[in-house]
């Protein structure tokens, strides 16, 4: 039976079982699984791969946070790498948040918070590593004991190294700034908007360039101000068929929520009085989240201050 068929079989198996509502039975299974988790954690500290695998079915597998199906051999290698690369004790703690039990009491689907605090040699130094993750585990009662068969719904992964939160999906770099997934998401969004605005200009779509500004947006320079929807559209439409290239450099993005700031540099080429003109300016943008959830430019301050990437 190949892996895909086994997964379909497991899903079908679980769908046939209505979940038991007997709290006494559920509490009993929860106590047993808690002991299994404690025993598995102890076995992990002993770095005994054979005993670790004995807690799992022969076809144990998982679906990772990226949606990839990881078969039993891949998961065995993951366990091997974990006990090889990390220094015990691992202080693994599994907290059962929710447990659903099939009526025949042979399938337990468990939502678990898994935590670990350990040490690992990273970038030439032994460092403190703390990880947490939420996931759903399916345990099967077979041969008079509970064994782990399947893990999925892996989410909310957090990783801290020497007390600093880092991206759990990337190799560790001690020079990386503090990882903030919410801020990182906003930064990606603003970076994309910069690219789209640059592309619109270079495609001579000046109406689209103007649309990146909020209706109450402003462009502010020492010698002039452009304010309001109509004036902003006219400002960019004046460059229709005259643009010869625009390059935006993002120096810094900060903040989240309703307002986000951006420091940057603009290198814009256009035709003026029959000659190509190169306008290089530094700017501070204030992006404002709109009611639809997207960001638009609320303030565009042109400045003589030069911004450089760190």
Protein backbone atom coordinates (compact mmCIF):
# COMPACT_ATOMS: atom_id res chain seq x y z
CA UNK A 1 0.00 0.00 0.00
CA UNK A 2 1.64 3.26 -1.07
CA UNK A 3 1.73 6.39 1.06
CA UNK A 4 -1.14 8.18 -0.68
CA UNK A 5 -3.42 5.16 -0.26
CA UNK A 6 -2.45 4.92 3.43
CA UNK A 7 -3.33 8.58 3.97
CA UNK A 8 -6.70 8.15 2.27
CA UNK A 9 -7.25 5.04 4.39
CA UNK A 10 -6.48 6.91 7.60
CA UNK A 11 -8.79 9.80 6.69
CA UNK A 12 -11.53 7.32 5.79
CA UNK A 13 -10.91 5.40 9.00
CA UNK A 14 -11.29 8.51 11.12
CA UNK A 15 -14.39 9.60 9.23
CA UNK A 16 -16.13 6.34 10.10
CA UNK A 17 -15.64 6.89 13.82
CA UNK A 18 -17.90 9.32 15.62
CA UNK A 19 -15.97 10.82 18.47
CA UNK A 20 -16.69 9.56 21.96
CA UNK A 21 -18.29 12.08 24.29
CA UNK A 22 -17.57 10.06 27.46
CA UNK A 23 -15.38 12.45 29.47
CA UNK A 24 -14.29 9.67 31.83
CA UNK A 25 -12.90 7.61 28.96
CA UNK A 26 -11.32 10.67 27.33
CA UNK A 27 -9.64 11.66 30.61
CA UNK A 28 -8.33 8.11 30.99
CA UNK A 29 -6.81 8.12 27.48
CA UNK A 30 -5.39 11.59 28.10
CA UNK A 31 -3.58 10.35 31.20
CA UNK A 32 -2.16 7.41 29.26
CA UNK A 33 -0.98 9.64 26.41
CA UNK A 34 0.60 12.08 28.85
CA UNK A 35 2.64 9.18 30.24
CA UNK A 36 3.58 8.18 26.69
CA UNK A 37 4.74 11.73 26.00
CA UNK A 38 6.84 11.71 29.19
CA UNK A 39 8.39 8.37 28.30
CA UNK A 40 9.11 9.53 24.74
CA UNK A 41 10.78 12.70 26.05
CA UNK A 42 12.98 10.60 28.35
CA UNK A 43 13.89 8.33 25.46
CA UNK A 44 14.80 11.36 23.36
CA UNK A 45 17.19 12.51 26.11
CA UNK A 46 18.80 9.06 25.97
CA UNK A 47 19.39 9.48 22.25
CA UNK A 48 18.12 5.96 21.62
CA UNK A 49 16.77 6.11 18.06
CA UNK A 50 15.46 2.55 18.09
CA UNK A 51 13.41 3.20 21.24
CA UNK A 52 12.21 6.52 19.82
CA UNK A 53 10.88 4.77 16.73
CA UNK A 54 9.14 2.16 18.91
CA UNK A 55 6.67 4.86 19.99
CA UNK A 56 5.52 5.20 16.39
CA UNK A 57 3.82 2.95 13.87
CA UNK A 58 5.93 1.52 11.06
CA UNK A 59 4.16 3.80 8.57
CA UNK A 60 4.36 6.94 10.72
CA UNK A 61 4.35 10.07 8.57
CA UNK A 62 3.47 13.73 8.68
CA UNK A 63 2.42 16.71 6.61
CA UNK A 64 4.79 19.61 7.16
CA UNK A 65 3.80 23.27 7.52
CA UNK A 66 4.61 23.74 3.83
CA UNK A 67 2.16 20.98 2.83
CA UNK A 68 4.82 18.40 1.92
CA UNK A 69 4.10 14.79 2.85
CA UNK A 70 7.02 13.38 4.87
CA UNK A 71 7.16 9.57 4.89
CA UNK A 72 8.40 7.32 7.70
CA UNK A 73 11.99 7.26 6.41
CA UNK A 74 12.12 11.05 6.22
CA UNK A 75 10.74 11.32 9.76
CA UNK A 76 13.24 8.75 11.01
CA UNK A 77 16.05 10.85 9.58
CA UNK A 78 14.56 13.94 11.22
CA UNK A 79 14.69 12.20 14.61
CA UNK A 80 18.27 11.08 13.96
CA UNK A 81 19.35 14.62 13.08
CA UNK A 82 17.60 16.05 16.13
CA UNK A 83 19.34 13.82 18.67
CA UNK A 84 22.66 14.17 16.83
CA UNK A 85 22.70 17.96 16.55
CA UNK A 86 21.11 18.94 19.86
CA UNK A 87 22.61 18.51 23.33
CA UNK A 88 20.41 16.75 25.92
CA UNK A 89 18.46 17.24 28.07
CA UNK A 90 15.91 18.56 25.59
CA UNK A 91 13.25 19.39 28.19
CA UNK A 92 10.51 18.34 25.81
CA UNK A 93 7.01 19.06 27.08
CA UNK A 94 3.78 18.14 25.30
CA UNK A 95 0.57 19.77 26.50
CA UNK A 96 -2.65 18.21 25.25
CA UNK A 97 -5.00 21.05 24.34
CA UNK A 98 -7.81 18.93 22.94
CA UNK A 99 -8.45 15.22 22.46
CA UNK A 100 -11.05 13.51 20.27
CA UNK A 101 -11.53 9.78 20.73
CA UNK A 102 -13.27 7.40 18.36
CA UNK A 103 -16.24 5.45 19.76
CA UNK A 104 -14.31 2.19 19.59
CA UNK A 105 -11.48 3.94 21.47
CA UNK A 106 -8.67 2.96 19.10
CA UNK A 107 -8.08 6.34 17.41
CA UNK A 108 -7.15 9.46 19.38
CA UNK A 109 -6.73 12.77 17.56
CA UNK A 110 -4.84 15.19 19.76
CA UNK A 111 -4.09 18.92 19.43
CA UNK A 112 -0.73 19.45 21.12
CA UNK A 113 1.49 22.32 22.18
CA UNK A 114 5.06 20.99 21.98
CA UNK A 115 7.84 22.89 23.74
CA UNK A 116 11.56 22.23 24.04
CA UNK A 117 14.47 24.02 25.72
CA UNK A 118 17.92 22.71 24.88
CA UNK A 119 21.44 23.59 23.83
CA UNK A 120 23.01 23.33 20.39
CA UNK A 121 26.31 24.24 18.81
CA UNK A 122 25.50 26.92 16.25
CA UNK A 123 27.97 29.12 14.39
CA UNK A 124 30.89 28.09 16.57
CA UNK A 125 29.15 28.52 19.92
CA UNK A 126 26.92 26.47 22.19
CA UNK A 127 23.65 28.39 22.31
CA UNK A 128 20.33 28.17 24.13
CA UNK A 129 17.52 27.06 21.84
CA UNK A 130 13.84 27.23 22.67
CA UNK A 131 11.15 26.03 20.28
CA UNK A 132 7.37 25.81 20.40
CA UNK A 133 4.89 24.48 17.87
CA UNK A 134 1.22 23.61 17.65
CA UNK A 135 0.26 20.46 15.79
CA UNK A 136 -2.36 17.72 15.53
CA UNK A 137 -1.29 14.15 16.24
CA UNK A 138 -3.15 10.93 15.53
CA UNK A 139 -2.45 8.05 17.92
CA UNK A 140 -3.56 4.46 17.27
CA UNK A 141 -4.17 1.78 19.89
CA UNK A 142 -2.49 -1.33 18.54
CA UNK A 143 -1.00 -4.42 20.20
CA UNK A 144 -2.12 -3.17 23.61
CA UNK A 145 -0.34 0.19 23.42
CA UNK A 146 -0.77 3.63 21.93
CA UNK A 147 1.48 4.53 19.01
CA UNK A 148 1.87 7.73 17.07
CA UNK A 149 0.77 7.33 13.47
CA UNK A 150 0.33 10.74 11.89
CA UNK A 151 1.16 14.43 12.46
CA UNK A 152 -0.40 17.32 10.56
CA UNK A 153 -1.72 20.87 11.03
CA UNK A 154 1.76 22.01 12.05
CA UNK A 155 1.59 25.75 12.70
CA UNK A 156 2.62 28.67 14.90
CA UNK A 157 6.25 27.55 14.94
CA UNK A 158 8.46 29.73 17.14
CA UNK A 159 12.21 29.51 17.61
CA UNK A 160 14.35 31.50 20.03
CA UNK A 161 18.15 31.35 20.09
CA UNK A 162 19.92 32.96 23.04
CA UNK A 163 16.63 34.66 23.85
CA UNK A 164 16.14 36.25 20.41
CA UNK A 165 13.33 35.12 18.14
CA UNK A 166 14.55 33.89 14.75
CA UNK A 167 12.93 32.64 11.55
CA UNK A 168 12.36 28.88 12.05
CA UNK A 169 12.45 28.27 8.28
CA UNK A 170 15.95 29.71 7.71
CA UNK A 171 19.49 28.71 8.76
CA UNK A 172 20.58 30.55 11.89
CA UNK A 173 22.48 33.79 11.39
CA UNK A 174 23.41 35.62 14.62
CA UNK A 175 23.61 38.92 12.71
CA UNK A 176 19.99 38.75 11.54
CA UNK A 177 17.64 41.26 13.22
CA UNK A 178 14.91 40.13 15.57
CA UNK A 179 12.38 38.08 13.64
CA UNK A 180 8.88 39.53 13.66
CA UNK A 181 6.60 37.62 11.25
CA UNK A 182 3.91 40.31 11.31
CA UNK A 183 6.40 43.05 10.45
CA UNK A 184 8.07 40.81 7.86
CA UNK A 185 4.72 40.35 6.13
CA UNK A 186 4.16 44.11 5.99
CA UNK A 187 7.66 44.68 4.64
CA UNK A 188 7.07 42.20 1.84
CA UNK A 189 3.82 43.96 1.01
CA UNK A 190 5.47 47.40 0.84
CA UNK A 191 8.39 46.02 -1.20
CA UNK A 192 5.90 44.57 -3.68
CA UNK A 193 4.03 47.88 -3.92
CA UNK A 194 7.30 49.66 -4.71
CA UNK A 195 8.03 47.19 -7.49
CA UNK A 196 4.52 47.48 -8.91
CA UNK A 197 4.67 51.28 -8.88
CA UNK A 198 8.06 51.23 -10.59
CA UNK A 199 6.74 48.79 -13.22
CA UNK A 200 3.67 50.96 -13.87
CA UNK A 201 5.87 53.99 -14.56
CA UNK A 202 8.21 52.03 -16.81
CA UNK A 203 5.16 50.73 -18.72
CA UNK A 204 3.96 54.35 -19.20
CA UNK A 205 0.83 53.68 -17.12
CA UNK A 206 0.80 56.95 -15.20
CA UNK A 207 -2.83 56.54 -14.13
CA UNK A 208 -1.77 53.41 -12.27
CA UNK A 209 1.17 55.23 -10.65
CA UNK A 210 -1.20 57.86 -9.31
CA UNK A 211 -3.51 55.15 -7.97
CA UNK A 212 -0.81 54.08 -5.46
CA UNK A 213 -1.63 57.28 -3.54
CA UNK A 214 -4.56 57.57 -1.16
CA UNK A 215 -7.36 59.96 -2.08
CA UNK A 216 -6.19 62.28 0.69
CA UNK A 217 -2.51 61.73 -0.12
CA UNK A 218 0.08 64.47 -0.46
CA UNK A 219 3.46 64.99 -2.13
CA UNK A 220 5.46 67.53 -0.16
CA UNK A 221 8.64 69.27 -1.37
CA UNK A 222 10.41 72.40 -0.11
CA UNK A 223 9.02 74.39 -3.04
CA UNK A 224 5.65 72.79 -3.80
CA UNK A 225 2.85 70.54 -2.57
CA UNK A 226 0.54 68.23 -4.49
CA UNK A 227 -2.62 67.40 -2.58
CA UNK A 228 -5.77 65.40 -3.29
CA UNK A 229 -6.88 62.83 -5.82
CA UNK A 230 -7.21 65.02 -8.91
CA UNK A 231 -3.93 66.86 -8.37
CA UNK A 232 -1.99 63.65 -7.70
CA UNK A 233 -3.37 62.08 -10.89
CA UNK A 234 -2.47 65.21 -12.89
CA UNK A 235 1.03 65.26 -11.37
CA UNK A 236 1.83 61.81 -12.72
CA UNK A 237 -0.13 62.18 -15.97
CA UNK A 238 2.15 65.12 -16.84
CA UNK A 239 4.86 62.49 -17.32
CA UNK A 240 2.79 60.43 -19.78
CA UNK A 241 4.98 59.46 -22.78
CA UNK A 242 7.91 61.30 -21.19
CA UNK A 243 9.19 58.69 -18.77
CA UNK A 244 12.49 57.03 -19.62
CA UNK A 245 12.97 54.85 -16.57
CA UNK A 246 12.38 54.75 -12.82
CA UNK A 247 14.30 52.89 -10.16
CA UNK A 248 13.12 52.88 -6.54
CA UNK A 249 15.53 51.80 -3.81
CA UNK A 250 14.00 50.77 -0.50
CA UNK A 251 16.35 51.69 2.35
CA UNK A 252 14.19 50.98 5.38
CA UNK A 253 10.63 49.97 6.24
CA UNK A 254 9.21 50.17 9.73
CA UNK A 255 6.01 50.04 11.70
CA UNK A 256 2.87 47.99 11.24
CA UNK A 257 -0.84 48.37 11.59
CA UNK A 258 -2.50 51.50 10.17
CA UNK A 259 0.69 53.43 9.34
CA UNK A 260 4.00 52.18 7.93
CA UNK A 261 6.98 54.37 7.08
CA UNK A 262 9.51 53.90 4.29
CA UNK A 263 12.84 55.58 3.63
CA UNK A 264 14.01 55.41 0.05
CA UNK A 265 15.73 56.80 -2.99
CA UNK A 266 14.20 57.62 -6.36
CA UNK A 267 16.16 57.63 -9.62
CA UNK A 268 13.76 58.88 -12.29
CA UNK A 269 14.56 59.72 -15.92
CA UNK A 270 12.18 61.72 -18.09
CA UNK A 271 12.10 64.05 -21.11
CA UNK A 272 11.96 67.77 -20.34
CA UNK A 273 12.18 70.42 -23.07
CA UNK A 274 13.37 67.80 -25.53
CA UNK A 275 16.20 66.55 -23.32
CA UNK A 276 16.50 63.59 -20.99
CA UNK A 277 16.61 64.68 -17.37
CA UNK A 278 17.76 62.54 -14.47
CA UNK A 279 16.06 63.37 -11.15
CA UNK A 280 17.54 61.71 -8.07
CA UNK A 281 15.68 62.36 -4.83
CA UNK A 282 15.44 60.92 -1.35
CA UNK A 283 12.04 60.46 0.19
CA UNK A 284 10.06 59.46 3.25
CA UNK A 285 6.76 57.70 2.55
CA UNK A 286 3.95 57.20 5.03
CA UNK A 287 1.80 54.30 3.88
CA UNK A 288 -1.73 54.17 5.30
CA UNK A 289 -3.85 51.03 5.46
CA UNK A 290 -7.15 51.53 3.66
CA UNK A 291 -10.55 50.18 4.66
CA UNK A 292 -10.09 47.40 2.08
CA UNK A 293 -6.91 46.29 3.88
CA UNK A 294 -4.36 47.42 1.29
CA UNK A 295 -1.75 50.16 1.78
CA UNK A 296 -1.62 53.44 -0.15
CA UNK A 297 0.73 56.42 0.08
CA UNK A 298 -0.62 58.96 2.57
CA UNK A 299 2.41 61.27 2.62
CA UNK A 300 5.32 61.49 0.17
CA UNK A 301 7.98 63.79 1.63
CA UNK A 302 10.88 64.67 -0.68
CA UNK A 303 14.03 65.45 1.28
CA UNK A 304 17.67 66.35 0.81
CA UNK A 305 18.64 63.91 3.55
CA UNK A 306 20.44 60.91 2.08
CA UNK A 307 19.47 57.48 3.30
CA UNK A 308 21.88 54.57 3.07
CA UNK A 309 21.22 50.91 3.67
CA UNK A 310 22.87 49.51 6.78
